[in-house]
């Protein structure tokens, strides 16, 4: 009887104490929120003191772009910035790759990546710091060079984040690995750096972050995608062979222009008739070149394709189908066998953001920026070789940075309004402030979220 009374009293005491037992987690949440706000305020203060320098850097990078595999001056500039901050810097890691390491006691290793290369585009933004760079491509044609994908903003945010975190060592423990990656636009840079020993010669990251500009979100905002974010990306070259001759005597030739036109149309059936409608897929012929004069039927035509998918099985079917359709069309026309070249070295696998890391980062962004400044972005068919680091079994998180004046975004949403320039457009340019401030704040807080004490 006495034992029963004692047990009853203990049980009633435990029930009465349950709210108190539960309250510490709520209390810790409040304390945690206070800590987040303190960190946010310190990041903002450091960023405000450094902002003029960062904007100057951004405009210098924008005005002096370099194409993929030619990022010599850009990489040297980023290396110099990291050295001044106090990172141990190694250059020429996989082409012009830069790796900076900053150790601060025992703790996780976090990698922050920026891409460095620009695009062969003649800029038409009219900005005072617009690129005026012109070069000759491999075919001898004059082309412009422009940061039409925001890599200049990525680099400036990367430098700003490095400077902020190096000045806040009392708030975190662990190792920072900041990498400047070449050749993202051709899908080769991440693979090159990994093959050069990025995860063997340098600390292997426990987490990896990157940000990317978008052209349809207002500045001051970020977006995130949990899980599948971007597609498999392949580049395919097709050489269509024919038999040249006089344009007035087509019966004596095998016209590769007509044959190429047939191939372009037939390729569309790979998506419309051979792929399950619920599986995203794209086959786009982005370039077609052949002939030199009005009255000459040429001997060959060259096609360049981009192929997008989200499943490896769909990718295989599309690539096999391109070869099958091209060869069948040539055989039907009595043409010489065509050449189909899949650029395996430029293959970019689909990007999958680590669900747990992305969820944790998005929750932090809502605290730091405000819930109304953080949105979910659905998967898109673009590609990014940041995905290679995820395939190397590192939890990765790429988030998206708004870059456009909110008034301009609102105008573009009206029916019949002038659309916003897309990424890779000769008119795309982020608004430096507050895009740069938002990028540095978001990235700095994302890193502190996994490294902070």
Protein backbone atom coordinates (compact mmCIF):
# COMPACT_ATOMS: atom_id res chain seq x y z
CA UNK A 1 0.00 0.00 0.00
CA UNK A 2 2.80 2.39 0.94
CA UNK A 3 4.62 1.67 -2.33
CA UNK A 4 1.44 2.42 -4.28
CA UNK A 5 1.05 5.80 -2.53
CA UNK A 6 4.68 6.72 -3.22
CA UNK A 7 4.37 5.79 -6.92
CA UNK A 8 1.16 7.77 -7.21
CA UNK A 9 2.76 10.85 -5.68
CA UNK A 10 5.76 10.54 -8.00
CA UNK A 11 3.52 10.20 -11.04
CA UNK A 12 1.45 13.24 -10.07
CA UNK A 13 4.65 15.22 -9.50
CA UNK A 14 5.99 14.24 -12.91
CA UNK A 15 2.75 15.32 -14.60
CA UNK A 16 2.80 18.63 -12.76
CA UNK A 17 6.41 19.20 -13.76
CA UNK A 18 5.92 18.46 -17.48
CA UNK A 19 5.37 22.10 -18.55
CA UNK A 20 8.57 23.07 -16.76
CA UNK A 21 10.43 20.20 -18.38
CA UNK A 22 9.21 21.24 -21.79
CA UNK A 23 9.84 24.95 -21.31
CA UNK A 24 13.65 24.88 -21.59
CA UNK A 25 13.45 23.95 -25.28
CA UNK A 26 11.18 26.92 -25.85
CA UNK A 27 13.50 29.04 -23.73
CA UNK A 28 16.50 27.80 -25.72
CA UNK A 29 14.65 28.71 -28.88
CA UNK A 30 14.28 32.27 -27.65
CA UNK A 31 17.92 32.37 -26.66
CA UNK A 32 18.83 30.86 -30.02
CA UNK A 33 16.81 33.53 -31.79
CA UNK A 34 18.60 36.20 -29.77
CA UNK A 35 21.91 34.66 -30.85
CA UNK A 36 20.83 34.67 -34.48
CA UNK A 37 19.89 38.32 -34.30
CA UNK A 38 23.22 39.19 -32.63
CA UNK A 39 25.12 37.40 -35.39
CA UNK A 40 22.98 39.02 -38.06
CA UNK A 41 23.60 42.46 -36.61
CA UNK A 42 27.35 41.90 -36.46
CA UNK A 43 27.43 40.63 -40.05
CA UNK A 44 25.50 43.71 -41.15
CA UNK A 45 27.87 46.03 -39.28
CA UNK A 46 30.96 44.44 -40.81
CA UNK A 47 29.35 44.44 -44.23
CA UNK A 48 28.37 48.11 -43.99
CA UNK A 49 31.96 49.03 -43.15
CA UNK A 50 33.24 46.99 -46.10
CA UNK A 51 30.50 47.63 -48.64
CA UNK A 52 32.13 50.35 -50.73
CA UNK A 53 35.17 48.16 -51.31
CA UNK A 54 32.99 45.16 -52.27
CA UNK A 55 30.90 47.14 -54.75
CA UNK A 56 34.07 48.46 -56.37
CA UNK A 57 35.34 44.89 -56.66
CA UNK A 58 32.03 43.80 -58.21
CA UNK A 59 32.15 46.51 -60.87
CA UNK A 60 35.80 45.74 -61.68
CA UNK A 61 34.95 42.06 -62.14
CA UNK A 62 31.94 42.94 -64.27
CA UNK A 63 33.99 45.19 -66.54
CA UNK A 64 36.81 42.65 -66.98
CA UNK A 65 35.24 39.24 -67.68
CA UNK A 66 37.10 36.17 -68.92
CA UNK A 67 35.75 33.14 -70.76
CA UNK A 68 35.82 29.56 -69.47
CA UNK A 69 39.34 28.09 -69.12
CA UNK A 70 40.85 31.60 -69.49
CA UNK A 71 40.21 32.98 -65.98
CA UNK A 72 43.85 33.92 -65.35
CA UNK A 73 43.40 37.51 -64.11
CA UNK A 74 40.13 36.76 -62.33
CA UNK A 75 41.56 33.85 -60.37
CA UNK A 76 44.68 35.84 -59.46
CA UNK A 77 42.46 38.63 -58.10
CA UNK A 78 40.42 36.23 -55.97
CA UNK A 79 43.58 34.56 -54.67
CA UNK A 80 44.97 37.95 -53.67
CA UNK A 81 41.76 38.82 -51.84
CA UNK A 82 41.87 35.59 -49.81
CA UNK A 83 45.54 36.01 -48.96
CA UNK A 84 44.90 39.51 -47.62
CA UNK A 85 42.14 38.10 -45.41
CA UNK A 86 44.45 35.44 -43.98
CA UNK A 87 43.55 32.26 -45.89
CA UNK A 88 46.19 29.72 -46.89
CA UNK A 89 45.78 29.92 -50.68
CA UNK A 90 46.65 27.47 -53.46
CA UNK A 91 46.28 28.48 -57.11
CA UNK A 92 45.99 26.51 -60.37
CA UNK A 93 43.94 23.66 -58.88
CA UNK A 94 42.27 22.15 -61.94
CA UNK A 95 42.99 24.88 -64.47
CA UNK A 96 42.63 28.29 -62.85
CA UNK A 97 40.92 26.97 -59.71
CA UNK A 98 41.64 28.74 -56.40
CA UNK A 99 41.44 27.06 -52.98
CA UNK A 100 41.66 29.02 -49.74
CA UNK A 101 41.73 27.34 -46.32
CA UNK A 102 41.16 29.07 -42.99
CA UNK A 103 41.35 26.94 -39.83
CA UNK A 104 39.88 28.03 -36.51
CA UNK A 105 40.00 25.14 -34.07
CA UNK A 106 38.11 21.87 -33.99
CA UNK A 107 34.78 21.72 -35.79
CA UNK A 108 33.10 20.98 -39.12
CA UNK A 109 34.62 21.85 -42.48
CA UNK A 110 32.47 24.07 -44.69
CA UNK A 111 33.15 24.76 -48.37
CA UNK A 112 31.87 27.90 -50.08
CA UNK A 113 32.14 27.94 -53.85
CA UNK A 114 32.02 30.69 -56.43
CA UNK A 115 32.29 30.35 -60.19
CA UNK A 116 34.48 32.78 -62.14
CA UNK A 117 33.90 32.48 -65.89
CA UNK A 118 31.86 34.69 -68.22
CA UNK A 119 29.97 34.14 -71.49
CA UNK A 120 30.65 35.00 -75.16
CA UNK A 121 28.03 37.78 -75.22
CA UNK A 122 28.29 41.42 -76.32
CA UNK A 123 26.88 43.44 -73.42
CA UNK A 124 24.06 45.92 -74.14
CA UNK A 125 23.12 47.05 -70.62
CA UNK A 126 24.46 50.58 -71.08
CA UNK A 127 25.94 50.55 -67.58
CA UNK A 128 28.96 52.81 -66.95
CA UNK A 129 30.90 49.71 -65.91
CA UNK A 130 29.64 47.51 -68.78
CA UNK A 131 32.10 45.09 -70.35
CA UNK A 132 33.75 46.28 -73.54
CA UNK A 133 35.91 43.18 -73.85
CA UNK A 134 36.18 41.68 -77.35
CA UNK A 135 38.18 38.58 -78.29
CA UNK A 136 38.56 36.14 -81.16
CA UNK A 137 36.98 32.74 -80.65
CA UNK A 138 38.53 29.47 -81.81
CA UNK A 139 37.02 30.01 -85.27
CA UNK A 140 38.48 33.49 -85.59
CA UNK A 141 35.19 35.29 -85.07
CA UNK A 142 35.05 38.41 -82.90
CA UNK A 143 32.86 37.87 -79.84
CA UNK A 144 32.09 39.90 -76.78
CA UNK A 145 32.67 38.70 -73.23
CA UNK A 146 30.12 39.43 -70.51
CA UNK A 147 29.14 38.30 -67.03
CA UNK A 148 25.60 37.60 -68.21
CA UNK A 149 25.00 34.89 -65.60
CA UNK A 150 25.91 36.80 -62.45
CA UNK A 151 29.25 35.17 -61.71
CA UNK A 152 30.67 38.61 -60.96
CA UNK A 153 28.06 39.01 -58.21
CA UNK A 154 28.82 35.49 -56.97
CA UNK A 155 32.51 36.37 -56.63
CA UNK A 156 31.87 39.64 -54.83
CA UNK A 157 29.52 37.91 -52.36
CA UNK A 158 32.14 35.19 -51.88
CA UNK A 159 34.87 37.69 -51.03
CA UNK A 160 32.50 39.60 -48.75
CA UNK A 161 31.55 36.42 -46.91
CA UNK A 162 35.20 35.44 -46.47
CA UNK A 163 35.98 38.85 -44.99
CA UNK A 164 33.00 38.74 -42.62
CA UNK A 165 33.71 35.23 -41.34
CA UNK A 166 37.43 35.88 -40.88
CA UNK A 167 36.50 38.82 -38.68
CA UNK A 168 34.07 36.79 -36.57
CA UNK A 169 36.30 33.92 -35.46
CA UNK A 170 35.06 34.17 -31.90
CA UNK A 171 31.63 33.03 -33.11
CA UNK A 172 32.63 29.81 -34.89
CA UNK A 173 34.95 26.82 -34.75
CA UNK A 174 36.05 24.65 -37.64
CA UNK A 175 37.58 25.05 -41.09
CA UNK A 176 36.56 27.19 -44.04
CA UNK A 177 37.41 26.06 -47.58
CA UNK A 178 36.67 28.81 -50.10
CA UNK A 179 37.03 27.75 -53.74
CA UNK A 180 37.02 29.87 -56.89
CA UNK A 181 35.96 27.50 -59.64
CA UNK A 182 36.70 27.93 -63.36
CA UNK A 183 34.72 26.76 -66.38
CA UNK A 184 31.24 26.43 -64.89
CA UNK A 185 29.61 27.66 -68.09
CA UNK A 186 30.95 24.69 -70.03
CA UNK A 187 30.24 22.22 -67.22
CA UNK A 188 33.89 21.28 -66.73
CA UNK A 189 35.30 23.24 -63.79
CA UNK A 190 34.00 21.23 -60.83
CA UNK A 191 35.11 17.96 -62.39
CA UNK A 192 38.55 19.45 -63.15
CA UNK A 193 39.03 20.58 -59.56
CA UNK A 194 37.90 17.23 -58.15
CA UNK A 195 40.22 15.35 -60.50
CA UNK A 196 43.06 17.66 -59.37
CA UNK A 197 42.54 16.44 -55.80
CA UNK A 198 40.20 19.04 -54.29
CA UNK A 199 38.79 16.61 -51.71
CA UNK A 200 42.11 14.77 -51.21
CA UNK A 201 44.74 17.49 -50.99
CA UNK A 202 42.54 19.86 -49.01
CA UNK A 203 40.13 19.33 -46.09
CA UNK A 204 37.09 17.39 -47.24
CA UNK A 205 33.95 19.43 -46.49
CA UNK A 206 31.14 18.30 -44.24
CA UNK A 207 28.89 20.85 -45.97
CA UNK A 208 29.11 22.87 -49.17
CA UNK A 209 27.27 26.09 -50.07
CA UNK A 210 26.87 28.19 -53.19
CA UNK A 211 24.52 30.93 -54.29
CA UNK A 212 23.30 31.80 -57.76
CA UNK A 213 21.71 34.96 -59.13
CA UNK A 214 18.26 34.78 -60.68
CA UNK A 215 16.73 37.32 -63.01
CA UNK A 216 13.07 37.10 -61.96
CA UNK A 217 13.19 37.79 -58.21
CA UNK A 218 13.47 41.18 -56.49
CA UNK A 219 16.63 42.17 -54.72
CA UNK A 220 16.57 41.64 -50.97
CA UNK A 221 15.07 38.16 -51.41
CA UNK A 222 16.36 34.61 -51.64
CA UNK A 223 14.78 31.36 -52.76
CA UNK A 224 15.55 27.72 -52.06
CA UNK A 225 14.84 24.31 -53.54
CA UNK A 226 14.84 21.18 -51.45
CA UNK A 227 15.96 18.02 -53.26
CA UNK A 228 15.97 18.12 -57.07
CA UNK A 229 16.86 21.67 -58.13
CA UNK A 230 18.49 21.52 -61.56
CA UNK A 231 18.70 19.08 -64.46
CA UNK A 232 21.21 16.78 -66.10
CA UNK A 233 22.88 18.79 -68.87
CA UNK A 234 24.57 17.37 -71.96
CA UNK A 235 26.14 19.01 -75.00
CA UNK A 236 26.01 17.14 -78.31
CA UNK A 237 27.72 17.99 -81.63
CA UNK A 238 26.37 16.55 -84.89
CA UNK A 239 28.23 16.68 -88.20
CA UNK A 240 25.78 16.03 -91.05
CA UNK A 241 27.62 14.97 -94.19
CA UNK A 242 26.32 15.33 -97.74
CA UNK A 243 27.60 15.72 -101.29
CA UNK A 244 28.34 19.25 -102.44
CA UNK A 245 27.52 20.75 -105.80
CA UNK A 246 25.84 23.54 -107.74
CA UNK A 247 22.63 24.96 -106.33
CA UNK A 248 21.07 24.84 -109.80
CA UNK A 249 21.66 21.10 -110.06
CA UNK A 250 20.49 19.66 -106.70
CA UNK A 251 19.90 16.25 -108.28
CA UNK A 252 23.66 15.80 -108.51
CA UNK A 253 24.13 16.40 -104.78
CA UNK A 254 23.06 15.13 -101.38
CA UNK A 255 21.92 18.28 -99.64
CA UNK A 256 23.06 18.28 -95.97
CA UNK A 257 20.99 21.42 -95.25
CA UNK A 258 17.75 19.64 -96.10
CA UNK A 259 18.97 16.59 -94.21
CA UNK A 260 19.87 18.70 -91.17
CA UNK A 261 16.42 20.31 -91.24
CA UNK A 262 14.83 16.87 -91.24
CA UNK A 263 16.99 15.81 -88.29
CA UNK A 264 16.05 18.94 -86.31
CA UNK A 265 12.35 18.16 -86.75
CA UNK A 266 12.70 14.44 -86.07
CA UNK A 267 14.59 15.12 -82.84
CA UNK A 268 11.52 16.82 -81.41
CA UNK A 269 9.74 13.47 -81.26
CA UNK A 270 12.21 12.25 -78.64
CA UNK A 271 10.40 14.45 -76.12
CA UNK A 272 6.90 14.61 -77.57
CA UNK A 273 6.50 10.92 -78.48
CA UNK A 274 9.21 8.85 -76.77
CA UNK A 275 9.46 10.29 -73.25
CA UNK A 276 6.89 9.83 -70.50
CA UNK A 277 5.06 13.19 -70.21
CA UNK A 278 5.65 13.24 -66.44
CA UNK A 279 9.45 13.07 -66.94
CA UNK A 280 10.94 16.48 -67.79
CA UNK A 281 13.10 16.47 -70.93
CA UNK A 282 14.46 19.03 -73.38
CA UNK A 283 16.26 18.62 -76.71
CA UNK A 284 17.22 22.00 -78.15
CA UNK A 285 19.24 22.66 -81.30
CA UNK A 286 21.00 25.86 -80.35
CA UNK A 287 23.29 26.22 -83.33
CA UNK A 288 23.21 25.23 -87.01
CA UNK A 289 25.93 26.20 -89.49
CA UNK A 290 26.44 25.19 -93.11
CA UNK A 291 27.16 26.66 -96.50
CA UNK A 292 29.07 29.65 -97.77
CA UNK A 293 27.21 31.00 -100.83
CA UNK A 294 23.72 31.29 -102.29
CA UNK A 295 24.24 28.88 -105.18
CA UNK A 296 26.43 26.24 -103.56
CA UNK A 297 25.05 23.16 -101.84
CA UNK A 298 27.64 22.50 -99.11
CA UNK A 299 29.26 19.25 -98.18
CA UNK A 300 28.39 19.39 -94.49
CA UNK A 301 26.31 21.08 -91.81
CA UNK A 302 27.11 21.28 -88.10
CA UNK A 303 24.54 21.20 -85.32
CA UNK A 304 25.01 21.89 -81.61
CA UNK A 305 22.47 20.57 -79.11
CA UNK A 306 21.75 20.97 -75.43
CA UNK A 307 19.95 18.03 -73.83
CA UNK A 308 18.26 18.24 -70.41
CA UNK A 309 16.73 15.57 -68.19
CA UNK A 310 16.21 14.83 -64.50
CA UNK A 311 16.55 11.03 -64.54
CA UNK A 312 19.63 9.12 -65.66
CA UNK A 313 17.39 6.61 -67.50
CA UNK A 314 15.75 9.43 -69.48
CA UNK A 315 19.16 10.92 -70.21
CA UNK A 316 20.36 7.64 -71.69
CA UNK A 317 17.24 7.28 -73.85
CA UNK A 318 17.60 10.82 -75.22
CA UNK A 319 21.29 10.46 -76.07
CA UNK A 320 20.77 7.04 -77.67
CA UNK A 321 17.79 8.43 -79.55
CA UNK A 322 19.75 11.37 -80.97
CA UNK A 323 22.27 8.99 -82.46
CA UNK A 324 19.55 6.64 -83.79
CA UNK A 325 17.48 9.40 -85.42
CA UNK A 326 20.50 11.11 -86.97
CA UNK A 327 21.92 7.93 -88.45
CA UNK A 328 18.51 6.81 -89.76
CA UNK A 329 17.88 10.15 -91.48
CA UNK A 330 21.27 10.04 -93.17
CA UNK A 331 20.76 6.48 -94.31
CA UNK A 332 17.32 7.36 -95.72
CA UNK A 333 18.87 10.20 -97.74
CA UNK A 334 21.71 8.04 -99.01
CA UNK A 335 24.17 10.35 -97.25
CA UNK A 336 27.52 9.41 -95.75
CA UNK A 337 27.35 8.37 -92.09
CA UNK A 338 27.02 11.38 -89.77
CA UNK A 339 29.22 12.03 -86.76
CA UNK A 340 27.49 12.33 -83.38
CA UNK A 341 29.74 13.46 -80.53
CA UNK A 342 28.49 13.57 -76.95
CA UNK A 343 30.76 15.81 -74.86
CA UNK A 344 31.06 13.59 -71.82
CA UNK A 345 33.66 15.89 -70.27
CA UNK A 346 31.05 18.65 -70.14
CA UNK A 347 28.24 16.54 -68.68
CA UNK A 348 26.66 18.21 -65.67
CA UNK A 349 24.61 15.90 -63.44
CA UNK A 350 21.33 16.96 -61.88
CA UNK A 351 21.70 19.07 -58.74
CA UNK A 352 20.09 17.65 -55.61
CA UNK A 353 20.20 19.95 -52.61
CA UNK A 354 20.58 18.02 -49.38
CA UNK A 355 17.12 18.06 -47.80
CA UNK A 356 18.17 18.43 -44.16
CA UNK A 357 20.81 21.09 -44.83
CA UNK A 358 18.49 23.05 -47.13
CA UNK A 359 15.60 22.92 -44.68
CA UNK A 360 17.84 24.16 -41.87
CA UNK A 361 19.26 26.94 -44.04
CA UNK A 362 15.83 28.08 -45.26
CA UNK A 363 14.51 28.29 -41.70
CA UNK A 364 17.48 30.49 -40.79
CA UNK A 365 16.92 32.75 -43.79
CA UNK A 366 13.34 33.35 -42.68
CA UNK A 367 14.64 34.50 -39.28
CA UNK A 368 17.37 36.68 -40.75
CA UNK A 369 15.60 38.21 -43.75
CA UNK A 370 11.95 37.80 -42.85
CA UNK A 371 9.59 35.06 -44.02
CA UNK A 372 8.22 37.29 -46.79
CA UNK A 373 11.72 37.54 -48.30
CA UNK A 374 12.23 33.77 -48.63
CA UNK A 375 10.40 31.72 -51.25
CA UNK A 376 10.42 28.17 -52.57
CA UNK A 377 11.73 27.79 -56.12
CA UNK A 378 10.53 24.78 -58.12
CA UNK A 379 13.07 22.67 -60.03
CA UNK A 380 14.09 24.08 -63.41
CA UNK A 381 15.84 22.58 -66.43
CA UNK A 382 18.97 24.68 -66.08
CA UNK A 383 22.23 22.98 -65.15
CA UNK A 384 25.04 23.70 -62.67
CA UNK A 385 28.22 21.72 -62.12
CA UNK A 386 28.06 22.46 -58.39
CA UNK A 387 26.16 19.16 -58.51
CA UNK A 388 29.45 17.26 -58.89
CA UNK A 389 30.31 18.03 -55.26
CA UNK A 390 27.00 16.54 -54.17
CA UNK A 391 27.69 13.41 -56.21
CA UNK A 392 30.94 13.14 -54.26
CA UNK A 393 28.71 12.54 -51.21
CA UNK A 394 29.00 15.97 -49.67
CA UNK A 395 25.74 17.56 -48.42
CA UNK A 396 25.28 20.58 -50.69
CA UNK A 397 22.96 23.57 -50.70
CA UNK A 398 22.70 26.10 -53.50
CA UNK A 399 20.26 28.93 -52.95
CA UNK A 400 19.02 31.65 -55.29
CA UNK A 401 19.65 35.38 -54.96
CA UNK A 402 17.17 37.99 -56.20
CA UNK A 403 18.80 40.77 -58.23
CA UNK A 404 16.08 42.96 -59.78
CA UNK A 405 14.38 46.19 -58.68
CA UNK A 406 11.03 45.13 -57.15
CA UNK A 407 9.19 47.76 -59.22
CA UNK A 408 10.60 46.24 -62.40
CA UNK A 409 9.54 42.77 -61.27
CA UNK A 410 6.02 44.01 -60.56
CA UNK A 411 5.82 45.71 -63.96
CA UNK A 412 6.92 42.54 -65.75
CA UNK A 413 4.10 40.59 -64.10
CA UNK A 414 1.46 42.81 -65.75
CA UNK A 415 -0.23 41.46 -68.86
CA UNK A 416 1.48 42.63 -72.03
CA UNK A 417 4.40 44.13 -70.12
CA UNK A 418 8.02 44.05 -71.24
CA UNK A 419 9.54 40.81 -69.91
CA UNK A 420 12.58 40.71 -67.68
CA UNK A 421 15.91 39.80 -69.32
CA UNK A 422 16.85 36.21 -68.56
CA UNK A 423 20.19 34.93 -67.41
CA UNK A 424 22.62 34.80 -70.36
CA UNK A 425 20.85 37.82 -71.89
CA UNK A 426 22.96 40.75 -73.10
CA UNK A 427 20.66 42.97 -71.00
CA UNK A 428 20.90 41.15 -67.67
CA UNK A 429 22.61 42.98 -64.82
CA UNK A 430 21.99 42.71 -61.05
CA UNK A 431 21.31 45.89 -59.09
CA UNK A 432 24.48 46.01 -56.93
CA UNK A 433 22.83 47.37 -53.78
CA UNK A 434 21.18 45.67 -51.97
CA UNK A 435 21.81 42.46 -53.97
CA UNK A 436 25.41 42.27 -52.78
CA UNK A 437 24.46 42.97 -49.16
CA UNK A 438 21.75 40.30 -49.20
CA UNK A 439 24.10 37.73 -50.73
CA UNK A 440 26.87 38.29 -48.17
CA UNK A 441 24.43 38.33 -45.26
CA UNK A 442 22.67 35.15 -46.37
CA UNK A 443 25.86 33.21 -47.12
CA UNK A 444 27.63 34.33 -43.95
CA UNK A 445 24.68 33.31 -41.79
CA UNK A 446 24.31 29.98 -43.64
CA UNK A 447 27.93 29.11 -42.80
CA UNK A 448 27.63 30.28 -39.18
CA UNK A 449 24.50 28.14 -38.90
CA UNK A 450 26.58 24.98 -39.26
CA UNK A 451 29.85 26.24 -37.73
CA UNK A 452 28.65 28.53 -34.98
CA UNK A 453 29.34 27.81 -31.33
